[in-house]
């Protein structure tokens, strides 16, 4: 019985890897929430974002604590939303076989 369990344990990861080469990529937009502690100067952070960009506020010394992706805000993009570039790509054996690029 142990030998059979070992065979299954070895077989299933190989099977999963086989199927992982077949997939569809979909481009979306989604909100991302940055959490700050109660001492953070949020007006000062807004000013810093305007001056230097968002990456500058992701700093524990400025009160940054954690972040979340707000999955419920996810919206699929169309090629028109993406400068005519594809927003859906279908892959078989790891190679692109189709996309919805605007013509």
PDB file of N, CA and C in Angstrom:
ATOM      1  N   UNK A   1       0.821  -1.198   0.000  1.00  0.00           N
ATOM      2  CA  UNK A   1       0.000   0.000   0.000  1.00  0.00           C
ATOM      3  C   UNK A   1       0.863   1.260   0.000  1.00  0.00           C
ATOM      4  N   UNK A   2       1.955   1.247   0.708  1.00  0.00           N
ATOM      5  CA  UNK A   2       2.835   2.411   0.748  1.00  0.00           C
ATOM      6  C   UNK A   2       3.419   2.670  -0.637  1.00  0.00           C
ATOM      7  N   UNK A   3       3.806   1.631  -1.345  1.00  0.00           N
ATOM      8  CA  UNK A   3       4.374   1.800  -2.686  1.00  0.00           C
ATOM      9  C   UNK A   3       3.368   2.465  -3.612  1.00  0.00           C
ATOM     10  N   UNK A   4       2.086   2.058  -3.544  1.00  0.00           N
ATOM     11  CA  UNK A   4       1.046   2.666  -4.370  1.00  0.00           C
ATOM     12  C   UNK A   4       0.872   4.135  -4.043  1.00  0.00           C
ATOM     13  N   UNK A   5       0.950   4.491  -2.766  1.00  0.00           N
ATOM     14  CA  UNK A   5       0.828   5.888  -2.357  1.00  0.00           C
ATOM     15  C   UNK A   5       1.983   6.706  -2.901  1.00  0.00           C
ATOM     16  N   UNK A   6       3.181   6.129  -2.872  1.00  0.00           N
ATOM     17  CA  UNK A   6       4.345   6.845  -3.389  1.00  0.00           C
ATOM     18  C   UNK A   6       4.230   7.053  -4.894  1.00  0.00           C
ATOM     19  N   UNK A   7       3.709   6.042  -5.605  1.00  0.00           N
ATOM     20  CA  UNK A   7       3.540   6.186  -7.047  1.00  0.00           C
ATOM     21  C   UNK A   7       2.566   7.306  -7.367  1.00  0.00           C
ATOM     22  N   UNK A   8       1.440   7.366  -6.641  1.00  0.00           N
ATOM     23  CA  UNK A   8       0.459   8.432  -6.868  1.00  0.00           C
ATOM     24  C   UNK A   8       1.048   9.791  -6.507  1.00  0.00           C
ATOM     25  N   UNK A   9       1.786   9.860  -5.411  1.00  0.00           N
ATOM     26  CA  UNK A   9       2.387  11.130  -4.983  1.00  0.00           C
ATOM     27  C   UNK A   9       3.374  11.642  -6.025  1.00  0.00           C
ATOM     28  N   UNK A  10       4.053  10.735  -6.717  1.00  0.00           N
ATOM     29  CA  UNK A  10       4.997  11.135  -7.752  1.00  0.00           C
ATOM     30  C   UNK A  10       4.270  11.469  -9.048  1.00  0.00           C
ATOM     31  N   UNK A  11       3.226  10.750  -9.374  1.00  0.00           N
ATOM     32  CA  UNK A  11       2.504  10.922 -10.634  1.00  0.00           C
ATOM     33  C   UNK A  11       1.755  12.253 -10.708  1.00  0.00           C
ATOM     34  N   UNK A  12       1.031  12.623  -9.636  1.00  0.00           N
ATOM     35  CA  UNK A  12       0.190  13.817  -9.692  1.00  0.00           C
ATOM     36  C   UNK A  12       0.964  15.112  -9.890  1.00  0.00           C
ATOM     37  N   UNK A  13       2.116  15.343  -9.245  1.00  0.00           N
ATOM     38  CA  UNK A  13       2.853  16.580  -9.570  1.00  0.00           C
ATOM     39  C   UNK A  13       3.290  16.636 -11.032  1.00  0.00           C
ATOM     40  N   UNK A  14       3.643  15.497 -11.615  1.00  0.00           N
ATOM     41  CA  UNK A  14       4.023  15.473 -13.032  1.00  0.00           C
ATOM     42  C   UNK A  14       2.811  15.812 -13.883  1.00  0.00           C
ATOM     43  N   UNK A  15       1.643  15.271 -13.554  1.00  0.00           N
ATOM     44  CA  UNK A  15       0.413  15.549 -14.274  1.00  0.00           C
ATOM     45  C   UNK A  15       0.065  17.036 -14.180  1.00  0.00           C
ATOM     46  N   UNK A  16       0.208  17.629 -13.003  1.00  0.00           N
ATOM     47  CA  UNK A  16      -0.075  19.053 -12.823  1.00  0.00           C
ATOM     48  C   UNK A  16       0.869  19.885 -13.673  1.00  0.00           C
ATOM     49  N   UNK A  17       2.150  19.545 -13.715  1.00  0.00           N
ATOM     50  CA  UNK A  17       3.102  20.290 -14.536  1.00  0.00           C
ATOM     51  C   UNK A  17       2.737  20.212 -16.014  1.00  0.00           C
ATOM     52  N   UNK A  18       2.224  19.069 -16.459  1.00  0.00           N
ATOM     53  CA  UNK A  18       1.815  18.916 -17.848  1.00  0.00           C
ATOM     54  C   UNK A  18       0.705  19.902 -18.190  1.00  0.00           C
ATOM     55  N   UNK A  19      -0.289  20.019 -17.326  1.00  0.00           N
ATOM     56  CA  UNK A  19      -1.412  20.905 -17.593  1.00  0.00           C
ATOM     57  C   UNK A  19      -1.071  22.379 -17.392  1.00  0.00           C
ATOM     58  N   UNK A  20      -0.020  22.675 -16.665  1.00  0.00           N
ATOM     59  CA  UNK A  20       0.343  24.061 -16.418  1.00  0.00           C
ATOM     60  C   UNK A  20       0.861  24.745 -17.679  1.00  0.00           C
ATOM     61  N   UNK A  21       1.151  24.024 -18.730  1.00  0.00           N
ATOM     62  CA  UNK A  21       1.588  24.618 -19.987  1.00  0.00           C
ATOM     63  C   UNK A  21       0.420  25.061 -20.851  1.00  0.00           C
ATOM     64  N   UNK A  22      -0.798  24.734 -20.438  1.00  0.00           N
ATOM     65  CA  UNK A  22      -2.008  25.139 -21.147  1.00  0.00           C
ATOM     66  C   UNK A  22      -2.749  26.127 -20.260  1.00  0.00           C
ATOM     67  N   UNK A  23      -2.858  27.379 -20.727  1.00  0.00           N
ATOM     68  CA  UNK A  23      -3.466  28.397 -19.872  1.00  0.00           C
ATOM     69  C   UNK A  23      -3.943  29.571 -20.713  1.00  0.00           C
ATOM     70  N   UNK A  24      -4.717  30.438 -20.076  1.00  0.00           N
ATOM     71  CA  UNK A  24      -5.198  31.669 -20.691  1.00  0.00           C
ATOM     72  C   UNK A  24      -4.820  32.819 -19.774  1.00  0.00           C
ATOM     73  N   UNK A  25      -4.130  33.815 -20.318  1.00  0.00           N
ATOM     74  CA  UNK A  25      -3.802  35.034 -19.577  1.00  0.00           C
ATOM     75  C   UNK A  25      -4.850  36.084 -19.909  1.00  0.00           C
ATOM     76  N   UNK A  26      -5.340  36.771 -18.881  1.00  0.00           N
ATOM     77  CA  UNK A  26      -6.358  37.796 -19.045  1.00  0.00           C
ATOM     78  C   UNK A  26      -5.880  39.055 -18.326  1.00  0.00           C
ATOM     79  N   UNK A  27      -5.828  40.170 -19.037  1.00  0.00           N
ATOM     80  CA  UNK A  27      -5.381  41.435 -18.439  1.00  0.00           C
ATOM     81  C   UNK A  27      -6.566  42.123 -17.777  1.00  0.00           C
ATOM     82  N   UNK A  28      -6.355  42.559 -16.538  1.00  0.00           N
ATOM     83  CA  UNK A  28      -7.409  43.218 -15.772  1.00  0.00           C
ATOM     84  C   UNK A  28      -6.850  44.464 -15.097  1.00  0.00           C
ATOM     85  N   UNK A  29      -7.742  45.278 -14.606  1.00  0.00           N
ATOM     86  CA  UNK A  29      -7.365  46.368 -13.722  1.00  0.00           C
ATOM     87  C   UNK A  29      -8.000  46.066 -12.371  1.00  0.00           C
ATOM     88  N   UNK A  30      -7.307  46.423 -11.307  1.00  0.00           N
ATOM     89  CA  UNK A  30      -7.799  46.123  -9.968  1.00  0.00           C
ATOM     90  C   UNK A  30      -7.242  47.170  -8.999  1.00  0.00           C
ATOM     91  N   UNK A  31      -8.008  47.488  -7.969  1.00  0.00           N
ATOM     92  CA  UNK A  31      -7.526  48.416  -6.946  1.00  0.00           C
ATOM     93  C   UNK A  31      -6.633  47.666  -5.968  1.00  0.00           C
ATOM     94  N   UNK A  32      -5.648  48.370  -5.477  1.00  0.00           N
ATOM     95  CA  UNK A  32      -4.656  47.853  -4.538  1.00  0.00           C
ATOM     96  C   UNK A  32      -4.721  48.771  -3.327  1.00  0.00           C
ATOM     97  N   UNK A  33      -4.872  48.234  -2.109  1.00  0.00           N
ATOM     98  CA  UNK A  33      -4.990  49.062  -0.909  1.00  0.00           C
ATOM     99  C   UNK A  33      -3.716  48.968  -0.070  1.00  0.00           C
ATOM    100  N   UNK A  34      -3.174  50.127   0.274  1.00  0.00           N
ATOM    101  CA  UNK A  34      -2.011  50.208   1.144  1.00  0.00           C
ATOM    102  C   UNK A  34      -2.493  50.629   2.532  1.00  0.00           C
ATOM    103  N   UNK A  35      -2.096  49.874   3.564  1.00  0.00           N
ATOM    104  CA  UNK A  35      -2.503  50.173   4.938  1.00  0.00           C
ATOM    105  C   UNK A  35      -1.373  50.891   5.669  1.00  0.00           C
ATOM    106  N   UNK A  36      -1.759  51.915   6.446  1.00  0.00           N
ATOM    107  CA  UNK A  36      -0.807  52.679   7.242  1.00  0.00           C
ATOM    108  C   UNK A  36      -1.267  52.696   8.689  1.00  0.00           C
ATOM    109  N   UNK A  37      -0.315  52.853   9.597  1.00  0.00           N
ATOM    110  CA  UNK A  37      -0.676  52.886  11.013  1.00  0.00           C
ATOM    111  C   UNK A  37      -1.380  54.198  11.359  1.00  0.00           C
ATOM    112  N   UNK A  38      -1.895  54.270  12.586  1.00  0.00           N
ATOM    113  CA  UNK A  38      -2.691  55.429  13.000  1.00  0.00           C
ATOM    114  C   UNK A  38      -1.870  56.714  13.127  1.00  0.00           C
ATOM    115  N   UNK A  39      -0.550  56.601  13.110  1.00  0.00           N
ATOM    116  CA  UNK A  39       0.310  57.780  13.256  1.00  0.00           C
ATOM    117  C   UNK A  39       0.765  58.356  11.904  1.00  0.00           C
ATOM    118  N   UNK A  40       0.436  57.694  10.829  1.00  0.00           N
ATOM    119  CA  UNK A  40       0.882  58.144   9.504  1.00  0.00           C
ATOM    120  C   UNK A  40       0.246  59.491   9.148  1.00  0.00           C
ATOM    121  N   UNK A  41       1.030  60.351   8.557  1.00  0.00           N
ATOM    122  CA  UNK A  41       0.570  61.661   8.094  1.00  0.00           C
ATOM    123  C   UNK A  41       0.060  61.479   6.660  1.00  0.00           C
ATOM    124  N   UNK A  42      -1.226  61.204   6.519  1.00  0.00           N
ATOM    125  CA  UNK A  42      -1.777  60.860   5.213  1.00  0.00           C
ATOM    126  C   UNK A  42      -1.723  62.043   4.241  1.00  0.00           C
ATOM    127  N   UNK A  43      -1.907  63.262   4.718  1.00  0.00           N
ATOM    128  CA  UNK A  43      -1.772  64.438   3.834  1.00  0.00           C
ATOM    129  C   UNK A  43      -0.326  64.554   3.353  1.00  0.00           C
ATOM    130  N   UNK A  44       0.620  64.317   4.257  1.00  0.00           N
ATOM    131  CA  UNK A  44       2.031  64.340   3.878  1.00  0.00           C
ATOM    132  C   UNK A  44       2.356  63.241   2.872  1.00  0.00           C
ATOM    133  N   UNK A  45       1.739  62.067   3.040  1.00  0.00           N
ATOM    134  CA  UNK A  45       1.946  60.965   2.092  1.00  0.00           C
ATOM    135  C   UNK A  45       1.390  61.326   0.717  1.00  0.00           C
ATOM    136  N   UNK A  46       0.222  61.991   0.695  1.00  0.00           N
ATOM    137  CA  UNK A  46      -0.361  62.418  -0.594  1.00  0.00           C
ATOM    138  C   UNK A  46       0.582  63.385  -1.300  1.00  0.00           C
ATOM    139  N   UNK A  47       1.163  64.308  -0.537  1.00  0.00           N
ATOM    140  CA  UNK A  47       2.115  65.258  -1.122  1.00  0.00           C
ATOM    141  C   UNK A  47       3.342  64.527  -1.664  1.00  0.00           C
ATOM    142  N   UNK A  48       3.835  63.545  -0.904  1.00  0.00           N
ATOM    143  CA  UNK A  48       5.017  62.785  -1.328  1.00  0.00           C
ATOM    144  C   UNK A  48       4.733  61.993  -2.604  1.00  0.00           C
ATOM    145  N   UNK A  49       3.540  61.423  -2.711  1.00  0.00           N
ATOM    146  CA  UNK A  49       3.158  60.693  -3.928  1.00  0.00           C
ATOM    147  C   UNK A  49       3.167  61.633  -5.125  1.00  0.00           C
ATOM    148  N   UNK A  50       2.619  62.834  -4.952  1.00  0.00           N
ATOM    149  CA  UNK A  50       2.583  63.811  -6.054  1.00  0.00           C
ATOM    150  C   UNK A  50       3.986  64.218  -6.482  1.00  0.00           C
ATOM    151  N   UNK A  51       4.885  64.343  -5.517  1.00  0.00           N
ATOM    152  CA  UNK A  51       6.251  64.788  -5.813  1.00  0.00           C
ATOM    153  C   UNK A  51       7.143  63.681  -6.353  1.00  0.00           C
ATOM    154  N   UNK A  52       7.064  62.485  -5.729  1.00  0.00           N
ATOM    155  CA  UNK A  52       8.064  61.447  -6.006  1.00  0.00           C
ATOM    156  C   UNK A  52       7.507  60.119  -6.492  1.00  0.00           C
ATOM    157  N   UNK A  53       6.198  59.925  -6.430  1.00  0.00           N
ATOM    158  CA  UNK A  53       5.615  58.668  -6.882  1.00  0.00           C
ATOM    159  C   UNK A  53       5.209  57.759  -5.734  1.00  0.00           C
ATOM    160  N   UNK A  54       4.375  56.810  -6.059  1.00  0.00           N
ATOM    161  CA  UNK A  54       3.781  55.913  -5.072  1.00  0.00           C
ATOM    162  C   UNK A  54       4.804  55.066  -4.320  1.00  0.00           C
ATOM    163  N   UNK A  55       5.837  54.603  -5.012  1.00  0.00           N
ATOM    164  CA  UNK A  55       6.815  53.718  -4.376  1.00  0.00           C
ATOM    165  C   UNK A  55       7.465  54.342  -3.145  1.00  0.00           C
ATOM    166  N   UNK A  56       7.540  55.663  -3.109  1.00  0.00           N
ATOM    167  CA  UNK A  56       8.213  56.349  -2.001  1.00  0.00           C
ATOM    168  C   UNK A  56       7.466  56.218  -0.679  1.00  0.00           C
ATOM    169  N   UNK A  57       6.145  55.971  -0.720  1.00  0.00           N
ATOM    170  CA  UNK A  57       5.379  55.896   0.529  1.00  0.00           C
ATOM    171  C   UNK A  57       5.324  54.490   1.106  1.00  0.00           C
ATOM    172  N   UNK A  58       5.808  53.516   0.362  1.00  0.00           N
ATOM    173  CA  UNK A  58       5.822  52.135   0.866  1.00  0.00           C
ATOM    174  C   UNK A  58       7.068  51.984   1.727  1.00  0.00           C
ATOM    175  N   UNK A  59       6.968  52.541   2.929  1.00  0.00           N
ATOM    176  CA  UNK A  59       8.111  52.650   3.829  1.00  0.00           C
ATOM    177  C   UNK A  59       7.600  52.562   5.264  1.00  0.00           C
ATOM    178  N   UNK A  60       8.086  51.605   6.026  1.00  0.00           N
ATOM    179  CA  UNK A  60       7.649  51.427   7.415  1.00  0.00           C
ATOM    180  C   UNK A  60       7.890  52.678   8.253  1.00  0.00           C
ATOM    181  N   UNK A  61       8.947  53.421   7.943  1.00  0.00           N
ATOM    182  CA  UNK A  61       9.235  54.643   8.694  1.00  0.00           C
ATOM    183  C   UNK A  61       8.164  55.712   8.476  1.00  0.00           C
ATOM    184  N   UNK A  62       7.424  55.609   7.383  1.00  0.00           N
ATOM    185  CA  UNK A  62       6.334  56.540   7.103  1.00  0.00           C
ATOM    186  C   UNK A  62       4.987  55.995   7.578  1.00  0.00           C
ATOM    187  N   UNK A  63       5.007  54.817   8.205  1.00  0.00           N
ATOM    188  CA  UNK A  63       3.790  54.224   8.749  1.00  0.00           C
ATOM    189  C   UNK A  63       3.181  53.120   7.913  1.00  0.00           C
ATOM    190  N   UNK A  64       3.821  52.759   6.806  1.00  0.00           N
ATOM    191  CA  UNK A  64       3.296  51.674   5.975  1.00  0.00           C
ATOM    192  C   UNK A  64       3.290  50.369   6.767  1.00  0.00           C
ATOM    193  N   UNK A  65       2.157  49.650   6.699  1.00  0.00           N
ATOM    194  CA  UNK A  65       2.001  48.411   7.454  1.00  0.00           C
ATOM    195  C   UNK A  65       1.854  47.202   6.544  1.00  0.00           C
ATOM    196  N   UNK A  66       0.931  47.273   5.577  1.00  0.00           N
ATOM    197  CA  UNK A  66       0.590  46.101   4.771  1.00  0.00           C
ATOM    198  C   UNK A  66      -0.148  46.560   3.519  1.00  0.00           C
ATOM    199  N   UNK A  67      -0.426  45.612   2.633  1.00  0.00           N
ATOM    200  CA  UNK A  67      -1.196  45.929   1.429  1.00  0.00           C
ATOM    201  C   UNK A  67      -2.107  44.763   1.076  1.00  0.00           C
ATOM    202  N   UNK A  68      -3.171  45.081   0.354  1.00  0.00           N
ATOM    203  CA  UNK A  68      -4.139  44.084  -0.109  1.00  0.00           C
ATOM    204  C   UNK A  68      -4.508  44.368  -1.548  1.00  0.00           C
ATOM    205  N   UNK A  69      -4.767  43.308  -2.293  1.00  0.00           N
ATOM    206  CA  UNK A  69      -5.385  43.442  -3.609  1.00  0.00           C
ATOM    207  C   UNK A  69      -6.886  43.317  -3.382  1.00  0.00           C
ATOM    208  N   UNK A  70      -7.646  44.271  -3.859  1.00  0.00           N
ATOM    209  CA  UNK A  70      -9.102  44.258  -3.687  1.00  0.00           C
ATOM    210  C   UNK A  70      -9.723  43.513  -4.863  1.00  0.00           C
ATOM    211  N   UNK A  71      -9.731  42.191  -4.763  1.00  0.00           N
ATOM    212  CA  UNK A  71     -10.162  41.328  -5.874  1.00  0.00           C
ATOM    213  C   UNK A  71     -11.563  41.660  -6.383  1.00  0.00           C
ATOM    214  N   UNK A  72     -12.445  42.105  -5.502  1.00  0.00           N
ATOM    215  CA  UNK A  72     -13.817  42.396  -5.911  1.00  0.00           C
ATOM    216  C   UNK A  72     -13.909  43.595  -6.845  1.00  0.00           C
ATOM    217  N   UNK A  73     -12.818  44.360  -6.988  1.00  0.00           N
ATOM    218  CA  UNK A  73     -12.821  45.519  -7.892  1.00  0.00           C
ATOM    219  C   UNK A  73     -12.278  45.186  -9.279  1.00  0.00           C
ATOM    220  N   UNK A  74     -11.941  43.933  -9.502  1.00  0.00           N
ATOM    221  CA  UNK A  74     -11.330  43.509 -10.765  1.00  0.00           C
ATOM    222  C   UNK A  74     -12.268  43.749 -11.951  1.00  0.00           C
ATOM    223  N   UNK A  75     -11.702  44.360 -13.010  1.00  0.00           N
ATOM    224  CA  UNK A  75     -12.448  44.618 -14.251  1.00  0.00           C
ATOM    225  C   UNK A  75     -11.574  44.178 -15.414  1.00  0.00           C
ATOM    226  N   UNK A  76     -12.137  43.367 -16.315  1.00  0.00           N
ATOM    227  CA  UNK A  76     -11.387  42.941 -17.506  1.00  0.00           C
ATOM    228  C   UNK A  76     -11.218  44.107 -18.465  1.00  0.00           C
ATOM    229  N   UNK A  77     -10.060  44.169 -19.101  1.00  0.00           N
ATOM    230  CA  UNK A  77      -9.773  45.214 -20.075  1.00  0.00           C
ATOM    231  C   UNK A  77     -10.021  44.698 -21.493  1.00  0.00           C
ATOM    232  N   UNK A  78     -10.343  45.613 -22.388  1.00  0.00           N
ATOM    233  CA  UNK A  78     -10.466  45.289 -23.807  1.00  0.00           C
ATOM    234  C   UNK A  78      -9.200  45.787 -24.502  1.00  0.00           C
ATOM    235  N   UNK A  79      -8.935  45.333 -25.713  1.00  0.00           N
ATOM    236  CA  UNK A  79      -7.787  45.883 -26.441  1.00  0.00           C
ATOM    237  C   UNK A  79      -7.853  47.409 -26.574  1.00  0.00           C
ATOM    238  N   UNK A  80      -9.050  47.971 -26.709  1.00  0.00           N
ATOM    239  CA  UNK A  80      -9.188  49.428 -26.800  1.00  0.00           C
ATOM    240  C   UNK A  80      -8.701  50.100 -25.514  1.00  0.00           C
ATOM    241  N   UNK A  81      -8.915  49.451 -24.367  1.00  0.00           N
ATOM    242  CA  UNK A  81      -8.441  49.981 -23.080  1.00  0.00           C
ATOM    243  C   UNK A  81      -6.928  49.865 -22.948  1.00  0.00           C
ATOM    244  N   UNK A  82      -6.312  49.034 -23.782  1.00  0.00           N
ATOM    245  CA  UNK A  82      -4.907  48.659 -23.640  1.00  0.00           C
ATOM    246  C   UNK A  82      -4.081  49.078 -24.863  1.00  0.00           C
ATOM    247  N   UNK A  83      -4.378  50.247 -25.400  1.00  0.00           N
ATOM    248  CA  UNK A  83      -3.643  50.784 -26.564  1.00  0.00           C
ATOM    249  C   UNK A  83      -3.578  49.813 -27.736  1.00  0.00           C
ATOM    250  N   UNK A  84      -4.678  49.063 -27.959  1.00  0.00           N
ATOM    251  CA  UNK A  84      -4.739  48.138 -29.080  1.00  0.00           C
ATOM    252  C   UNK A  84      -4.009  46.822 -28.860  1.00  0.00           C
ATOM    253  N   UNK A  85      -3.399  46.664 -27.705  1.00  0.00           N
ATOM    254  CA  UNK A  85      -2.671  45.424 -27.408  1.00  0.00           C
ATOM    255  C   UNK A  85      -3.632  44.372 -26.856  1.00  0.00           C
ATOM    256  N   UNK A  86      -3.279  43.086 -26.981  1.00  0.00           N
ATOM    257  CA  UNK A  86      -4.188  42.038 -26.522  1.00  0.00           C
ATOM    258  C   UNK A  86      -4.431  42.085 -25.019  1.00  0.00           C
ATOM    259  N   UNK A  87      -5.614  41.633 -24.641  1.00  0.00           N
ATOM    260  CA  UNK A  87      -5.948  41.508 -23.222  1.00  0.00           C
ATOM    261  C   UNK A  87      -6.360  40.080 -22.865  1.00  0.00           C
ATOM    262  N   UNK A  88      -6.429  39.219 -23.878  1.00  0.00           N
ATOM    263  CA  UNK A  88      -6.650  37.784 -23.672  1.00  0.00           C
ATOM    264  C   UNK A  88      -5.651  37.048 -24.558  1.00  0.00           C
ATOM    265  N   UNK A  89      -4.897  36.131 -23.970  1.00  0.00           N
ATOM    266  CA  UNK A  89      -3.930  35.321 -24.722  1.00  0.00           C
ATOM    267  C   UNK A  89      -4.110  33.862 -24.321  1.00  0.00           C
ATOM    268  N   UNK A  90      -4.272  33.000 -25.312  1.00  0.00           N
ATOM    269  CA  UNK A  90      -4.482  31.568 -25.079  1.00  0.00           C
ATOM    270  C   UNK A  90      -3.181  30.834 -25.417  1.00  0.00           C
ATOM    271  N   UNK A  91      -2.734  29.955 -24.503  1.00  0.00           N
ATOM    272  CA  UNK A  91      -1.484  29.218 -24.667  1.00  0.00           C
ATOM    273  C   UNK A  91      -1.729  27.716 -24.643  1.00  0.00           C
ATOM    274  N   UNK A  92      -1.077  27.011 -25.561  1.00  0.00           N
ATOM    275  CA  UNK A  92      -1.075  25.550 -25.599  1.00  0.00           C
ATOM    276  C   UNK A  92       0.378  25.113 -25.588  1.00  0.00           C
ATOM    277  N   UNK A  93       0.712  24.223 -24.708  1.00  0.00           N
ATOM    278  CA  UNK A  93       2.097  23.768 -24.552  1.00  0.00           C
ATOM    279  C   UNK A  93       3.053  24.945 -24.376  1.00  0.00           C
ATOM    280  N   UNK A  94       2.599  25.984 -23.693  1.00  0.00           N
ATOM    281  CA  UNK A  94       3.437  27.135 -23.393  1.00  0.00           C
ATOM    282  C   UNK A  94       3.635  28.099 -24.544  1.00  0.00           C
ATOM    283  N   UNK A  95       2.951  27.871 -25.681  1.00  0.00           N
ATOM    284  CA  UNK A  95       3.091  28.750 -26.846  1.00  0.00           C
ATOM    285  C   UNK A  95       1.759  29.438 -27.119  1.00  0.00           C
ATOM    286  N   UNK A  96       1.820  30.731 -27.410  1.00  0.00           N
ATOM    287  CA  UNK A  96       0.595  31.466 -27.694  1.00  0.00           C
ATOM    288  C   UNK A  96      -0.040  30.954 -28.984  1.00  0.00           C
ATOM    289  N   UNK A  97      -1.339  30.614 -28.900  1.00  0.00           N
ATOM    290  CA  UNK A  97      -2.056  30.117 -30.070  1.00  0.00           C
ATOM    291  C   UNK A  97      -3.136  31.099 -30.538  1.00  0.00           C
ATOM    292  N   UNK A  98      -3.486  32.081 -29.696  1.00  0.00           N
ATOM    293  CA  UNK A  98      -4.486  33.067 -30.077  1.00  0.00           C
ATOM    294  C   UNK A  98      -4.434  34.225 -29.101  1.00  0.00           C
ATOM    295  N   UNK A  99      -4.763  35.434 -29.602  1.00  0.00           N
ATOM    296  CA  UNK A  99      -5.000  36.576 -28.729  1.00  0.00           C
ATOM    297  C   UNK A  99      -6.054  37.463 -29.360  1.00  0.00           C
ATOM    298  N   UNK A 100      -6.576  38.377 -28.580  1.00  0.00           N
ATOM    299  CA  UNK A 100      -7.652  39.246 -29.080  1.00  0.00           C
ATOM    300  C   UNK A 100      -7.143  40.631 -29.485  1.00  0.00           C
ATOM    301  N   UNK A 101      -5.906  40.698 -29.969  1.00  0.00           N
ATOM    302  CA  UNK A 101      -5.329  41.988 -30.402  1.00  0.00           C
ATOM    303  C   UNK A 101      -6.228  42.623 -31.471  1.00  0.00           C
ATOM    304  N   UNK A 102      -6.435  43.908 -31.293  1.00  0.00           N
ATOM    305  CA  UNK A 102      -7.256  44.646 -32.265  1.00  0.00           C
ATOM    306  C   UNK A 102      -6.534  44.696 -33.609  1.00  0.00           C
ATOM    307  N   UNK A 103      -7.288  44.562 -34.672  1.00  0.00           N
ATOM    308  CA  UNK A 103      -6.700  44.575 -36.014  1.00  0.00           C
ATOM    309  C   UNK A 103      -6.792  45.936 -36.627  1.00  0.00           C
TER     310      UNK A 103
END
